[in-house]
């Protein structure tokens, strides 16, 4: 069976929203379980929505702006700089929103650990989305190359 047939569902625009929805349900499965009552609620539904929207903005800014403008144009250092800056901004907003009133009660080591774990989670989330997007571009390019080879063989 042809490789392009096996992965053609990845490029079907009808399922695009479904792919995005499944990605976010995977990323926020623990919060989803708390919202529907399976686990103890960690935050209110409105707070969860605010964080999800901020994370979505971070991811979509990266894959729809930074990736094509910088990484695909071989401006890797600038891409890494803006990606790290975007992640830091995301984490700082969430960190301040949730934790600013508690700074006096905990040690600096505790807050450094919390900030670092938030940074790593956000970086992994962005990295997963970027990896999926690059994989999709790679498969698309391979399909185009195969089509050109097929056309070349016919002529």
N, C-alpha and C. Protein backbone atom coordinates (compact mmCIF):
# COMPACT_ATOMS: atom_id res chain seq x y z
N UNK A 1 0.85 -1.19 0.00
CA UNK A 1 0.00 0.00 0.00
C UNK A 1 0.89 1.24 0.00
N UNK A 2 0.45 2.25 -0.68
CA UNK A 2 1.20 3.48 -0.82
C UNK A 2 1.19 4.29 0.48
N UNK A 3 2.37 4.85 0.82
CA UNK A 3 2.49 5.63 2.06
C UNK A 3 1.55 6.85 2.05
N UNK A 4 1.35 7.47 0.90
CA UNK A 4 0.48 8.65 0.85
C UNK A 4 -0.97 8.28 1.16
N UNK A 5 -1.38 7.06 0.82
CA UNK A 5 -2.73 6.63 1.15
C UNK A 5 -2.90 6.40 2.64
N UNK A 6 -1.86 5.89 3.30
CA UNK A 6 -1.93 5.62 4.73
C UNK A 6 -2.08 6.89 5.55
N UNK A 7 -1.47 7.97 5.13
CA UNK A 7 -1.47 9.20 5.92
C UNK A 7 -2.31 10.31 5.29
N UNK A 8 -3.10 9.98 4.31
CA UNK A 8 -3.89 11.02 3.65
C UNK A 8 -4.91 11.66 4.59
N UNK A 9 -5.37 10.93 5.59
CA UNK A 9 -6.33 11.47 6.55
C UNK A 9 -5.75 12.64 7.34
N UNK A 10 -4.40 12.69 7.45
CA UNK A 10 -3.76 13.80 8.16
C UNK A 10 -4.00 15.14 7.47
N UNK A 11 -4.19 15.10 6.17
CA UNK A 11 -4.28 16.34 5.39
C UNK A 11 -5.70 16.68 4.99
N UNK A 12 -6.63 15.92 5.46
CA UNK A 12 -8.03 16.17 5.14
C UNK A 12 -8.52 17.36 5.97
N UNK A 13 -8.86 18.43 5.30
CA UNK A 13 -9.26 19.67 5.98
C UNK A 13 -10.56 19.51 6.77
N UNK A 14 -11.37 18.52 6.41
CA UNK A 14 -12.62 18.29 7.15
C UNK A 14 -12.36 17.93 8.61
N UNK A 15 -11.21 17.30 8.88
CA UNK A 15 -10.91 16.84 10.22
C UNK A 15 -9.98 17.77 10.99
N UNK A 16 -9.65 18.90 10.41
CA UNK A 16 -8.68 19.81 11.03
C UNK A 16 -9.10 20.25 12.44
N UNK A 17 -10.33 20.68 12.59
CA UNK A 17 -10.81 21.11 13.91
C UNK A 17 -10.81 19.95 14.90
N UNK A 18 -11.15 18.77 14.42
CA UNK A 18 -11.13 17.59 15.28
C UNK A 18 -9.72 17.30 15.79
N UNK A 19 -8.71 17.44 14.93
CA UNK A 19 -7.32 17.21 15.35
C UNK A 19 -6.92 18.20 16.45
N UNK A 20 -7.28 19.45 16.25
CA UNK A 20 -6.95 20.47 17.25
C UNK A 20 -7.69 20.20 18.56
N UNK A 21 -8.95 19.86 18.46
CA UNK A 21 -9.74 19.54 19.65
C UNK A 21 -9.13 18.36 20.41
N UNK A 22 -8.75 17.31 19.70
CA UNK A 22 -8.15 16.13 20.35
C UNK A 22 -6.80 16.47 20.99
N UNK A 23 -6.02 17.31 20.33
CA UNK A 23 -4.74 17.74 20.91
C UNK A 23 -4.97 18.43 22.26
N UNK A 24 -5.91 19.37 22.29
CA UNK A 24 -6.15 20.12 23.53
C UNK A 24 -6.80 19.24 24.60
N UNK A 25 -7.62 18.30 24.20
CA UNK A 25 -8.22 17.37 25.17
C UNK A 25 -7.13 16.48 25.78
N UNK A 26 -6.14 16.11 24.97
CA UNK A 26 -5.03 15.33 25.48
C UNK A 26 -4.19 16.16 26.46
N UNK A 27 -3.87 17.38 26.07
CA UNK A 27 -3.03 18.24 26.91
C UNK A 27 -3.74 18.54 28.24
N UNK A 28 -5.03 18.79 28.19
CA UNK A 28 -5.76 19.17 29.40
C UNK A 28 -6.71 18.08 29.89
N UNK A 29 -6.32 16.83 29.72
CA UNK A 29 -7.19 15.73 30.15
C UNK A 29 -7.43 15.74 31.66
N UNK A 30 -6.43 16.11 32.45
CA UNK A 30 -6.63 16.15 33.91
C UNK A 30 -7.63 17.23 34.32
N UNK A 31 -7.56 18.40 33.67
CA UNK A 31 -8.52 19.45 33.97
C UNK A 31 -9.92 19.08 33.48
N UNK A 32 -9.98 18.43 32.32
CA UNK A 32 -11.28 17.99 31.79
C UNK A 32 -11.95 17.01 32.76
N UNK A 33 -11.18 16.09 33.29
CA UNK A 33 -11.73 15.13 34.26
C UNK A 33 -12.25 15.83 35.51
N UNK A 34 -11.55 16.89 35.93
CA UNK A 34 -12.03 17.61 37.11
C UNK A 34 -13.29 18.42 36.81
N UNK A 35 -13.40 18.97 35.60
CA UNK A 35 -14.58 19.76 35.23
C UNK A 35 -15.83 18.87 35.16
N UNK A 36 -15.67 17.63 34.66
CA UNK A 36 -16.84 16.76 34.54
C UNK A 36 -17.10 15.96 35.82
N UNK A 37 -16.27 16.17 36.84
CA UNK A 37 -16.54 15.59 38.15
C UNK A 37 -15.91 14.25 38.44
N UNK A 38 -15.01 13.78 37.58
CA UNK A 38 -14.36 12.49 37.82
C UNK A 38 -13.30 12.61 38.91
N UNK A 39 -12.58 13.70 38.92
CA UNK A 39 -11.56 13.95 39.94
C UNK A 39 -11.89 15.23 40.69
N UNK A 40 -11.15 15.49 41.75
CA UNK A 40 -11.34 16.72 42.53
C UNK A 40 -11.00 17.93 41.67
N UNK A 41 -11.84 18.96 41.69
CA UNK A 41 -11.53 20.17 40.92
C UNK A 41 -10.29 20.88 41.47
N UNK A 42 -9.39 21.25 40.55
CA UNK A 42 -8.19 21.97 40.95
C UNK A 42 -8.42 23.47 40.92
N UNK A 43 -9.19 23.91 39.94
CA UNK A 43 -9.49 25.33 39.75
C UNK A 43 -10.92 25.44 39.22
N UNK A 44 -11.42 26.65 39.18
CA UNK A 44 -12.75 26.85 38.61
C UNK A 44 -12.69 26.67 37.09
N UNK A 45 -13.83 26.41 36.50
CA UNK A 45 -13.90 26.23 35.04
C UNK A 45 -13.45 27.49 34.32
N UNK A 46 -13.75 28.65 34.87
CA UNK A 46 -13.34 29.91 34.25
C UNK A 46 -11.82 30.07 34.28
N UNK A 47 -11.20 29.71 35.39
CA UNK A 47 -9.74 29.78 35.48
C UNK A 47 -9.08 28.81 34.50
N UNK A 48 -9.62 27.61 34.40
CA UNK A 48 -9.09 26.63 33.46
C UNK A 48 -9.22 27.17 32.03
N UNK A 49 -10.36 27.74 31.70
CA UNK A 49 -10.57 28.30 30.37
C UNK A 49 -9.55 29.40 30.07
N UNK A 50 -9.29 30.26 31.04
CA UNK A 50 -8.32 31.34 30.84
C UNK A 50 -6.93 30.79 30.53
N UNK A 51 -6.52 29.76 31.27
CA UNK A 51 -5.20 29.17 31.04
C UNK A 51 -5.16 28.46 29.69
N UNK A 52 -6.21 27.75 29.35
CA UNK A 52 -6.27 27.05 28.06
C UNK A 52 -6.17 28.06 26.91
N UNK A 53 -6.89 29.16 27.01
CA UNK A 53 -6.84 30.18 25.95
C UNK A 53 -5.45 30.79 25.83
N UNK A 54 -4.79 31.03 26.95
CA UNK A 54 -3.43 31.56 26.91
C UNK A 54 -2.48 30.54 26.29
N UNK A 55 -2.62 29.27 26.67
CA UNK A 55 -1.78 28.23 26.08
C UNK A 55 -2.05 28.08 24.59
N UNK A 56 -3.31 28.18 24.20
CA UNK A 56 -3.65 28.09 22.78
C UNK A 56 -3.00 29.25 22.01
N UNK A 57 -3.05 30.44 22.57
CA UNK A 57 -2.43 31.58 21.91
C UNK A 57 -0.92 31.36 21.76
N UNK A 58 -0.30 30.81 22.78
CA UNK A 58 1.14 30.54 22.74
C UNK A 58 1.47 29.52 21.65
N UNK A 59 0.72 28.43 21.62
CA UNK A 59 0.99 27.36 20.65
C UNK A 59 0.70 27.84 19.23
N UNK A 60 -0.44 28.48 19.01
CA UNK A 60 -0.80 28.89 17.65
C UNK A 60 0.08 30.02 17.14
N UNK A 61 0.52 30.91 18.02
CA UNK A 61 1.49 31.93 17.61
C UNK A 61 2.77 31.25 17.14
N UNK A 62 3.16 30.21 17.85
CA UNK A 62 4.39 29.51 17.49
C UNK A 62 4.25 28.77 16.17
N UNK A 63 3.21 27.96 16.02
CA UNK A 63 3.14 27.12 14.82
C UNK A 63 2.64 27.85 13.57
N UNK A 64 1.89 28.93 13.74
CA UNK A 64 1.37 29.62 12.57
C UNK A 64 2.10 30.92 12.24
N UNK A 65 2.92 31.41 13.16
CA UNK A 65 3.69 32.62 12.86
C UNK A 65 5.20 32.36 12.94
N UNK A 66 5.68 31.95 14.12
CA UNK A 66 7.12 31.78 14.30
C UNK A 66 7.69 30.67 13.43
N UNK A 67 7.01 29.56 13.36
CA UNK A 67 7.51 28.42 12.60
C UNK A 67 7.71 28.76 11.12
N UNK A 68 6.67 29.26 10.42
CA UNK A 68 6.90 29.56 9.00
C UNK A 68 7.79 30.77 8.75
N UNK A 69 7.72 31.78 9.60
CA UNK A 69 8.49 33.00 9.36
C UNK A 69 9.96 32.84 9.72
N UNK A 70 10.24 32.05 10.75
CA UNK A 70 11.62 31.97 11.24
C UNK A 70 12.26 30.61 11.01
N UNK A 71 11.68 29.57 11.57
CA UNK A 71 12.32 28.25 11.50
C UNK A 71 12.41 27.75 10.06
N UNK A 72 11.34 27.87 9.29
CA UNK A 72 11.36 27.38 7.91
C UNK A 72 12.19 28.27 6.99
N UNK A 73 12.57 29.43 7.47
CA UNK A 73 13.48 30.31 6.72
C UNK A 73 14.89 30.26 7.28
N UNK A 74 15.17 29.21 8.03
CA UNK A 74 16.51 28.92 8.55
C UNK A 74 17.05 30.00 9.49
N UNK A 75 16.16 30.64 10.22
CA UNK A 75 16.56 31.63 11.22
C UNK A 75 16.36 31.00 12.60
N UNK A 76 17.12 29.95 12.85
CA UNK A 76 16.91 29.06 13.99
C UNK A 76 17.14 29.77 15.32
N UNK A 77 18.22 30.53 15.43
CA UNK A 77 18.51 31.21 16.71
C UNK A 77 17.41 32.20 17.07
N UNK A 78 16.92 32.93 16.09
CA UNK A 78 15.85 33.90 16.35
C UNK A 78 14.57 33.16 16.71
N UNK A 79 14.31 32.04 16.02
CA UNK A 79 13.13 31.23 16.35
C UNK A 79 13.20 30.73 17.79
N UNK A 80 14.34 30.19 18.20
CA UNK A 80 14.49 29.69 19.57
C UNK A 80 14.31 30.83 20.57
N UNK A 81 14.91 31.98 20.28
CA UNK A 81 14.77 33.14 21.18
C UNK A 81 13.30 33.51 21.37
N UNK A 82 12.55 33.66 20.27
CA UNK A 82 11.15 34.07 20.37
C UNK A 82 10.28 32.98 20.99
N UNK A 83 10.62 31.75 20.73
CA UNK A 83 9.86 30.65 21.35
C UNK A 83 10.05 30.65 22.86
N UNK A 84 11.29 30.75 23.30
CA UNK A 84 11.57 30.77 24.74
C UNK A 84 10.94 32.00 25.37
N UNK A 85 11.03 33.15 24.73
CA UNK A 85 10.42 34.37 25.25
C UNK A 85 8.90 34.23 25.36
N UNK A 86 8.28 33.65 24.36
CA UNK A 86 6.84 33.43 24.38
C UNK A 86 6.44 32.49 25.52
N UNK A 87 7.20 31.42 25.69
CA UNK A 87 6.92 30.47 26.77
C UNK A 87 7.10 31.15 28.13
N UNK A 88 8.17 31.92 28.28
CA UNK A 88 8.39 32.63 29.54
C UNK A 88 7.26 33.61 29.83
N UNK A 89 6.80 34.31 28.82
CA UNK A 89 5.69 35.25 29.01
C UNK A 89 4.43 34.50 29.43
N UNK A 90 4.13 33.39 28.78
CA UNK A 90 2.98 32.57 29.13
C UNK A 90 3.06 32.13 30.58
N UNK A 91 4.21 31.58 30.97
CA UNK A 91 4.38 31.07 32.33
C UNK A 91 4.31 32.21 33.34
N UNK A 92 4.89 33.34 33.02
CA UNK A 92 4.87 34.47 33.95
C UNK A 92 3.44 34.96 34.19
N UNK A 93 2.63 35.02 33.14
CA UNK A 93 1.24 35.46 33.30
C UNK A 93 0.46 34.48 34.17
N UNK A 94 0.57 33.19 33.85
CA UNK A 94 -0.15 32.17 34.63
C UNK A 94 0.37 32.13 36.06
N UNK A 95 1.68 32.20 36.20
CA UNK A 95 2.31 32.13 37.52
C UNK A 95 1.86 33.30 38.38
N UNK A 96 1.85 34.49 37.82
CA UNK A 96 1.40 35.66 38.58
C UNK A 96 -0.08 35.55 38.92
N UNK A 97 -0.88 35.15 37.94
CA UNK A 97 -2.33 35.07 38.15
C UNK A 97 -2.68 34.13 39.29
N UNK A 98 -2.04 32.97 39.31
CA UNK A 98 -2.39 31.97 40.32
C UNK A 98 -1.65 32.12 41.64
N UNK A 99 -0.47 32.69 41.63
CA UNK A 99 0.40 32.56 42.79
C UNK A 99 0.85 33.85 43.45
N UNK A 100 0.51 35.00 42.92
CA UNK A 100 1.11 36.23 43.46
C UNK A 100 0.75 36.49 44.92
N UNK A 101 -0.41 36.07 45.36
CA UNK A 101 -0.77 36.35 46.76
C UNK A 101 -0.11 35.38 47.75
N UNK A 102 0.51 34.33 47.25
CA UNK A 102 1.10 33.32 48.13
C UNK A 102 2.60 33.48 48.31
N UNK A 103 3.21 34.47 47.66
CA UNK A 103 4.65 34.59 47.71
C UNK A 103 5.22 34.68 49.12
N UNK A 104 4.49 35.27 50.02
CA UNK A 104 5.03 35.45 51.37
C UNK A 104 5.00 34.17 52.19
N UNK A 105 4.20 33.18 51.77
CA UNK A 105 4.01 31.98 52.58
C UNK A 105 4.96 30.84 52.26
N UNK A 106 5.60 30.86 51.14
CA UNK A 106 6.45 29.75 50.72
C UNK A 106 7.89 30.22 50.54
N UNK A 107 8.79 29.24 50.43
CA UNK A 107 10.20 29.56 50.25
C UNK A 107 10.48 29.87 48.78
N UNK A 108 11.60 30.51 48.55
CA UNK A 108 12.01 30.84 47.18
C UNK A 108 12.28 29.56 46.38
N UNK A 109 12.77 28.51 47.05
CA UNK A 109 13.02 27.24 46.37
C UNK A 109 11.71 26.65 45.85
N UNK A 110 10.66 26.76 46.64
CA UNK A 110 9.35 26.26 46.24
C UNK A 110 8.88 26.99 44.98
N UNK A 111 8.98 28.31 44.96
CA UNK A 111 8.50 29.08 43.82
C UNK A 111 9.39 28.88 42.60
N UNK A 112 10.68 28.69 42.82
CA UNK A 112 11.57 28.40 41.69
C UNK A 112 11.20 27.06 41.06
N UNK A 113 10.89 26.08 41.90
CA UNK A 113 10.48 24.76 41.40
C UNK A 113 9.16 24.86 40.66
N UNK A 114 8.21 25.60 41.21
CA UNK A 114 6.91 25.76 40.55
C UNK A 114 7.05 26.47 39.20
N UNK A 115 7.88 27.51 39.16
CA UNK A 115 8.08 28.25 37.92
C UNK A 115 8.74 27.35 36.88
N UNK A 116 9.76 26.59 37.31
CA UNK A 116 10.47 25.73 36.38
C UNK A 116 9.57 24.61 35.86
N UNK A 117 8.74 24.03 36.72
CA UNK A 117 7.85 22.96 36.26
C UNK A 117 6.80 23.52 35.29
N UNK A 118 6.32 24.72 35.54
CA UNK A 118 5.37 25.36 34.62
C UNK A 118 6.04 25.64 33.28
N UNK A 119 7.28 26.11 33.33
CA UNK A 119 8.03 26.37 32.10
C UNK A 119 8.21 25.08 31.31
N UNK A 120 8.59 24.00 31.99
CA UNK A 120 8.81 22.73 31.30
C UNK A 120 7.52 22.19 30.70
N UNK A 121 6.41 22.28 31.44
CA UNK A 121 5.13 21.82 30.89
C UNK A 121 4.77 22.61 29.64
N UNK A 122 4.90 23.92 29.69
CA UNK A 122 4.55 24.75 28.54
C UNK A 122 5.49 24.49 27.38
N UNK A 123 6.78 24.32 27.66
CA UNK A 123 7.75 24.01 26.60
C UNK A 123 7.44 22.67 25.95
N UNK A 124 7.06 21.67 26.75
CA UNK A 124 6.70 20.37 26.19
C UNK A 124 5.43 20.46 25.34
N UNK A 125 4.48 21.25 25.79
CA UNK A 125 3.25 21.44 25.05
C UNK A 125 3.54 22.09 23.69
N UNK A 126 4.32 23.16 23.71
CA UNK A 126 4.69 23.85 22.47
C UNK A 126 5.52 22.91 21.59
N UNK A 127 6.46 22.20 22.21
CA UNK A 127 7.31 21.28 21.47
C UNK A 127 6.51 20.18 20.80
N UNK A 128 5.51 19.66 21.48
CA UNK A 128 4.67 18.61 20.90
C UNK A 128 3.91 19.17 19.69
N UNK A 129 3.34 20.35 19.82
CA UNK A 129 2.60 20.95 18.71
C UNK A 129 3.52 21.24 17.53
N UNK A 130 4.71 21.76 17.81
CA UNK A 130 5.67 22.06 16.75
C UNK A 130 6.12 20.76 16.08
N UNK A 131 6.39 19.74 16.89
CA UNK A 131 6.79 18.45 16.33
C UNK A 131 5.73 17.86 15.42
N UNK A 132 4.48 17.94 15.83
CA UNK A 132 3.39 17.44 14.99
C UNK A 132 3.28 18.24 13.70
N UNK A 133 3.44 19.56 13.80
CA UNK A 133 3.35 20.41 12.61
C UNK A 133 4.51 20.12 11.64
N UNK A 134 5.71 19.96 12.17
CA UNK A 134 6.86 19.65 11.32
C UNK A 134 6.68 18.27 10.68
N UNK A 135 6.18 17.31 11.44
CA UNK A 135 5.91 15.98 10.89
C UNK A 135 4.91 16.07 9.75
N UNK A 136 3.88 16.86 9.92
CA UNK A 136 2.86 17.03 8.88
C UNK A 136 3.48 17.66 7.63
N UNK A 137 4.33 18.68 7.80
CA UNK A 137 5.01 19.29 6.66
C UNK A 137 5.94 18.28 5.97
N UNK A 138 6.64 17.48 6.75
CA UNK A 138 7.55 16.48 6.20
C UNK A 138 6.78 15.48 5.34
N UNK A 139 5.68 14.95 5.87
CA UNK A 139 4.88 13.98 5.11
C UNK A 139 4.34 14.62 3.84
N UNK A 140 3.87 15.86 3.95
CA UNK A 140 3.36 16.57 2.77
C UNK A 140 4.45 16.73 1.72
N UNK A 141 5.64 17.12 2.15
CA UNK A 141 6.76 17.26 1.21
C UNK A 141 7.13 15.93 0.57
N UNK A 142 7.12 14.85 1.35
CA UNK A 142 7.43 13.53 0.80
C UNK A 142 6.39 13.12 -0.24
N UNK A 143 5.13 13.44 0.01
CA UNK A 143 4.08 13.12 -0.95
C UNK A 143 4.28 13.91 -2.25
N UNK A 144 4.66 15.17 -2.12
CA UNK A 144 4.91 15.99 -3.31
C UNK A 144 6.10 15.46 -4.10
N UNK A 145 7.15 15.05 -3.40
CA UNK A 145 8.32 14.49 -4.06
C UNK A 145 7.94 13.20 -4.80
N UNK A 146 7.15 12.37 -4.15
CA UNK A 146 6.71 11.12 -4.78
C UNK A 146 5.86 11.40 -6.01
N UNK A 147 4.98 12.38 -5.93
CA UNK A 147 4.17 12.74 -7.09
C UNK A 147 5.03 13.25 -8.24
N UNK A 148 6.05 14.07 -7.92
CA UNK A 148 6.95 14.56 -8.96
C UNK A 148 7.76 13.42 -9.59
N UNK A 149 8.19 12.45 -8.78
CA UNK A 149 8.90 11.29 -9.32
C UNK A 149 8.01 10.49 -10.25
N UNK A 150 6.76 10.33 -9.84
CA UNK A 150 5.80 9.58 -10.66
C UNK A 150 5.57 10.30 -11.99
N UNK A 151 5.40 11.60 -11.95
CA UNK A 151 5.21 12.39 -13.16
C UNK A 151 6.45 12.32 -14.05
N UNK A 152 7.62 12.39 -13.43
CA UNK A 152 8.89 12.31 -14.16
C UNK A 152 9.05 10.97 -14.86
N UNK A 153 8.64 9.89 -14.20
CA UNK A 153 8.75 8.56 -14.79
C UNK A 153 7.83 8.40 -15.98
N UNK A 154 6.69 9.06 -15.96
CA UNK A 154 5.73 8.97 -17.04
C UNK A 154 6.22 9.68 -18.31
N UNK A 155 7.04 10.73 -18.12
CA UNK A 155 7.51 11.51 -19.28
C UNK A 155 8.78 11.00 -19.88
